[in-house]
Structures are given as C-alpha cells and as structure tokens.
N, C-alpha and C. Protein backbone atom coordinates (compact mmCIF):
# COMPACT_ATOMS: atom_id res chain seq x y z
N UNK A 1 -15.60 -6.94 -10.04
CA UNK A 1 -14.69 -8.00 -9.63
C UNK A 1 -14.03 -7.60 -8.31
N UNK A 2 -13.98 -8.51 -7.37
CA UNK A 2 -13.37 -8.27 -6.06
C UNK A 2 -11.90 -8.68 -6.10
N UNK A 3 -11.02 -7.77 -5.73
CA UNK A 3 -9.58 -8.07 -5.70
C UNK A 3 -9.12 -8.10 -4.25
N UNK A 4 -8.45 -9.16 -3.89
CA UNK A 4 -7.97 -9.33 -2.52
C UNK A 4 -6.61 -8.66 -2.34
N UNK A 5 -6.49 -7.89 -1.27
CA UNK A 5 -5.21 -7.26 -0.93
C UNK A 5 -4.45 -8.23 -0.04
N UNK A 6 -3.22 -8.52 -0.43
CA UNK A 6 -2.36 -9.44 0.32
C UNK A 6 -1.18 -8.64 0.88
N UNK A 7 -0.93 -8.81 2.18
CA UNK A 7 0.20 -8.14 2.81
C UNK A 7 1.39 -9.10 2.77
N UNK A 8 2.41 -8.74 2.05
CA UNK A 8 3.64 -9.53 1.97
C UNK A 8 4.69 -8.82 2.82
N UNK A 9 4.65 -9.12 4.12
CA UNK A 9 5.49 -8.37 5.07
C UNK A 9 6.98 -8.58 4.83
N UNK A 10 7.39 -9.75 4.39
CA UNK A 10 8.82 -9.99 4.13
C UNK A 10 9.35 -9.07 3.03
N UNK A 11 8.49 -8.79 2.04
CA UNK A 11 8.88 -7.92 0.93
C UNK A 11 8.49 -6.46 1.20
N UNK A 12 7.85 -6.21 2.32
CA UNK A 12 7.40 -4.88 2.73
C UNK A 12 6.55 -4.25 1.62
N UNK A 13 5.45 -4.96 1.31
CA UNK A 13 4.53 -4.45 0.30
C UNK A 13 3.14 -5.06 0.48
N UNK A 14 2.16 -4.34 -0.06
CA UNK A 14 0.79 -4.83 -0.17
C UNK A 14 0.54 -5.06 -1.65
N UNK A 15 -0.12 -6.19 -1.97
CA UNK A 15 -0.24 -6.62 -3.36
C UNK A 15 -1.67 -7.01 -3.68
N UNK A 16 -2.10 -6.69 -4.90
CA UNK A 16 -3.30 -7.26 -5.49
C UNK A 16 -2.83 -8.03 -6.72
N UNK A 17 -3.03 -9.33 -6.70
CA UNK A 17 -2.60 -10.17 -7.82
C UNK A 17 -3.62 -10.08 -8.94
N UNK A 18 -3.14 -9.75 -10.13
CA UNK A 18 -3.96 -9.70 -11.32
C UNK A 18 -3.60 -10.90 -12.19
N UNK A 19 -4.22 -11.07 -13.32
CA UNK A 19 -3.99 -12.27 -14.12
C UNK A 19 -2.52 -12.44 -14.53
N UNK A 20 -1.91 -11.39 -15.05
CA UNK A 20 -0.53 -11.50 -15.53
C UNK A 20 0.48 -10.68 -14.73
N UNK A 21 -0.01 -9.85 -13.84
CA UNK A 21 0.87 -8.92 -13.13
C UNK A 21 0.26 -8.60 -11.76
N UNK A 22 0.77 -7.60 -11.09
CA UNK A 22 0.23 -7.22 -9.80
C UNK A 22 0.30 -5.72 -9.59
N UNK A 23 -0.64 -5.24 -8.77
CA UNK A 23 -0.61 -3.86 -8.30
C UNK A 23 0.02 -3.89 -6.92
N UNK A 24 0.86 -2.91 -6.60
CA UNK A 24 1.63 -2.96 -5.35
C UNK A 24 1.69 -1.60 -4.67
N UNK A 25 1.74 -1.64 -3.36
CA UNK A 25 2.07 -0.48 -2.55
C UNK A 25 3.26 -0.89 -1.69
N UNK A 26 4.36 -0.18 -1.86
CA UNK A 26 5.61 -0.52 -1.19
C UNK A 26 5.83 0.37 0.04
N UNK A 27 6.46 -0.20 1.05
CA UNK A 27 6.74 0.58 2.26
C UNK A 27 8.08 0.19 2.86
N UNK A 28 8.55 1.05 3.74
CA UNK A 28 9.73 0.76 4.57
C UNK A 28 9.29 0.85 6.02
N UNK A 29 9.64 -0.15 6.78
CA UNK A 29 9.28 -0.18 8.20
C UNK A 29 10.53 0.08 9.03
N UNK A 30 10.45 1.09 9.86
CA UNK A 30 11.54 1.42 10.78
C UNK A 30 11.07 1.04 12.18
N UNK A 31 11.45 -0.15 12.62
CA UNK A 31 10.96 -0.65 13.91
C UNK A 31 11.53 0.15 15.07
N UNK A 32 12.73 0.67 14.94
CA UNK A 32 13.34 1.45 16.03
C UNK A 32 12.53 2.72 16.29
N UNK A 33 12.00 3.32 15.24
CA UNK A 33 11.22 4.55 15.37
C UNK A 33 9.71 4.28 15.41
N UNK A 34 9.35 3.01 15.26
CA UNK A 34 7.93 2.61 15.22
C UNK A 34 7.21 3.41 14.13
N UNK A 35 7.83 3.41 12.93
CA UNK A 35 7.38 4.25 11.84
C UNK A 35 7.30 3.45 10.54
N UNK A 36 6.30 3.76 9.73
CA UNK A 36 6.16 3.14 8.42
C UNK A 36 6.10 4.26 7.39
N UNK A 37 6.82 4.06 6.28
CA UNK A 37 6.84 5.04 5.20
C UNK A 37 6.35 4.36 3.92
N UNK A 38 5.20 4.79 3.44
CA UNK A 38 4.67 4.30 2.17
C UNK A 38 5.29 5.15 1.07
N UNK A 39 6.17 4.53 0.26
CA UNK A 39 6.97 5.32 -0.66
C UNK A 39 6.61 5.16 -2.13
N UNK A 40 5.83 4.15 -2.50
CA UNK A 40 5.52 3.99 -3.91
C UNK A 40 4.29 3.11 -4.10
N UNK A 41 3.43 3.52 -5.02
CA UNK A 41 2.27 2.74 -5.42
C UNK A 41 2.37 2.51 -6.92
N UNK A 42 2.12 1.25 -7.33
CA UNK A 42 2.17 0.94 -8.76
C UNK A 42 0.95 0.13 -9.15
N UNK A 43 0.26 0.60 -10.18
CA UNK A 43 -0.85 -0.14 -10.79
C UNK A 43 -0.54 -0.23 -12.28
N UNK A 44 -0.52 -1.43 -12.84
CA UNK A 44 -0.24 -1.56 -14.27
C UNK A 44 -1.24 -0.76 -15.10
N UNK A 45 -0.79 -0.24 -16.20
CA UNK A 45 -1.62 0.63 -17.04
C UNK A 45 -2.96 0.00 -17.39
N UNK A 46 -2.96 -1.28 -17.71
CA UNK A 46 -4.19 -1.95 -18.12
C UNK A 46 -5.20 -2.12 -16.98
N UNK A 47 -4.77 -1.89 -15.75
CA UNK A 47 -5.65 -2.06 -14.58
C UNK A 47 -5.99 -0.74 -13.91
N UNK A 48 -5.58 0.36 -14.49
CA UNK A 48 -5.85 1.67 -13.89
C UNK A 48 -7.31 2.03 -14.04
N UNK A 49 -7.81 2.79 -13.09
CA UNK A 49 -9.20 3.21 -13.12
C UNK A 49 -10.15 2.23 -12.45
N UNK A 50 -9.62 1.18 -11.86
CA UNK A 50 -10.45 0.16 -11.20
C UNK A 50 -10.49 0.32 -9.68
N UNK A 51 -9.79 1.34 -9.17
CA UNK A 51 -9.78 1.57 -7.73
C UNK A 51 -8.79 0.71 -6.97
N UNK A 52 -7.83 0.12 -7.67
CA UNK A 52 -6.87 -0.78 -7.01
C UNK A 52 -5.92 -0.02 -6.09
N UNK A 53 -5.45 1.14 -6.51
CA UNK A 53 -4.54 1.92 -5.66
C UNK A 53 -5.26 2.33 -4.38
N UNK A 54 -6.52 2.67 -4.47
CA UNK A 54 -7.31 3.03 -3.29
C UNK A 54 -7.44 1.83 -2.35
N UNK A 55 -7.72 0.67 -2.90
CA UNK A 55 -7.87 -0.53 -2.06
C UNK A 55 -6.54 -0.86 -1.36
N UNK A 56 -5.44 -0.76 -2.08
CA UNK A 56 -4.13 -1.00 -1.48
C UNK A 56 -3.86 -0.01 -0.36
N UNK A 57 -4.13 1.25 -0.62
CA UNK A 57 -3.86 2.30 0.36
C UNK A 57 -4.71 2.14 1.60
N UNK A 58 -5.98 1.87 1.43
CA UNK A 58 -6.86 1.69 2.58
C UNK A 58 -6.42 0.51 3.44
N UNK A 59 -6.03 -0.59 2.80
CA UNK A 59 -5.56 -1.76 3.56
C UNK A 59 -4.26 -1.45 4.28
N UNK A 60 -3.35 -0.76 3.61
CA UNK A 60 -2.05 -0.43 4.20
C UNK A 60 -2.21 0.52 5.39
N UNK A 61 -3.05 1.53 5.24
CA UNK A 61 -3.26 2.47 6.34
C UNK A 61 -3.97 1.80 7.52
N UNK A 62 -4.89 0.90 7.23
CA UNK A 62 -5.56 0.16 8.31
C UNK A 62 -4.55 -0.68 9.08
N UNK A 63 -3.63 -1.32 8.36
CA UNK A 63 -2.57 -2.10 9.01
C UNK A 63 -1.72 -1.20 9.91
N UNK A 64 -1.28 -0.06 9.36
CA UNK A 64 -0.40 0.84 10.10
C UNK A 64 -1.08 1.34 11.37
N UNK A 65 -2.34 1.68 11.25
CA UNK A 65 -3.08 2.17 12.43
C UNK A 65 -3.29 1.06 13.45
N UNK A 66 -3.58 -0.14 12.98
CA UNK A 66 -3.76 -1.28 13.88
C UNK A 66 -2.47 -1.56 14.66
N UNK A 67 -1.34 -1.38 13.98
CA UNK A 67 -0.04 -1.61 14.62
C UNK A 67 0.45 -0.39 15.39
N UNK A 68 -0.32 0.68 15.37
CA UNK A 68 0.00 1.94 16.04
C UNK A 68 1.36 2.49 15.59
N UNK A 69 1.55 2.45 14.28
CA UNK A 69 2.78 2.98 13.69
C UNK A 69 2.59 4.44 13.32
N UNK A 70 3.66 5.19 13.43
CA UNK A 70 3.65 6.56 12.92
C UNK A 70 3.71 6.46 11.40
N UNK A 71 2.81 7.15 10.72
CA UNK A 71 2.68 7.01 9.27
C UNK A 71 3.34 8.17 8.55
N UNK A 72 4.20 7.82 7.59
CA UNK A 72 4.79 8.78 6.66
C UNK A 72 4.43 8.31 5.26
N UNK A 73 4.38 9.24 4.33
CA UNK A 73 4.08 8.88 2.95
C UNK A 73 4.92 9.72 1.99
N UNK A 74 5.94 9.12 1.44
CA UNK A 74 6.68 9.77 0.37
C UNK A 74 5.92 9.63 -0.96
N UNK A 75 5.01 8.69 -1.02
CA UNK A 75 4.19 8.47 -2.21
C UNK A 75 3.07 9.52 -2.27
N UNK A 76 2.98 10.23 -3.38
CA UNK A 76 1.99 11.30 -3.54
C UNK A 76 0.57 10.75 -3.42
N UNK A 77 0.34 9.53 -3.90
CA UNK A 77 -1.01 8.99 -3.86
C UNK A 77 -1.46 8.73 -2.42
N UNK A 78 -0.60 8.14 -1.63
CA UNK A 78 -0.93 7.85 -0.24
C UNK A 78 -1.09 9.15 0.54
N UNK A 79 -0.31 10.16 0.23
CA UNK A 79 -0.41 11.46 0.91
C UNK A 79 -1.82 12.03 0.84
N UNK A 80 -2.54 11.77 -0.26
CA UNK A 80 -3.91 12.28 -0.42
C UNK A 80 -4.84 11.75 0.67
N UNK A 81 -4.55 10.58 1.20
CA UNK A 81 -5.40 9.96 2.22
C UNK A 81 -5.07 10.46 3.64
N UNK A 82 -3.95 11.15 3.77
CA UNK A 82 -3.50 11.61 5.08
C UNK A 82 -3.86 13.07 5.34
N UNK A 83 -4.27 13.78 4.35
CA UNK A 83 -4.58 15.21 4.49
C UNK A 83 -6.05 15.42 4.72
C-alpha cells in the first residue's frame, strides 16, 4: 500500500494519514537561524513495521535540503539518517 506524505507547514509536521489515525514527524523551524529541528516521530502501534517513519523522515529531510536549512534532530530516529 502506498502512503502519501503530506507536509502541514502551519502545524510544522509531516503526516501520513491512516484510516483512523496518522503517523507524524514534528519539527520546529527557526527562520532567523535558517534551521529546522526534527524533534519527534510518532507511528501508531498498529502501523509500525510498515516503513512509515522512514517515509516521513526521507520526505522531511528532502524538504529541509531543498530549502537549504541547517538540519538538527532531537529525535533519535531522524538522527540515524544524519550519521
């Protein structure tokens, strides 16, 4: 099943809508420092193991790089993609 990643910039998050809930990657954008901090990833228990956190992270990092933002990750999951 293909899940679409939606960037909800007003809420500062990337979302994959599931039937009853959503998987999310949350961030804080500091425009003065031209910096983005990915601080939390959440995938509902019933949707774990489907690669949703990876899809969210890849989309979020692609956005950050496209915008030429300095990337920080307080979220342990996102940190794995930066090392």
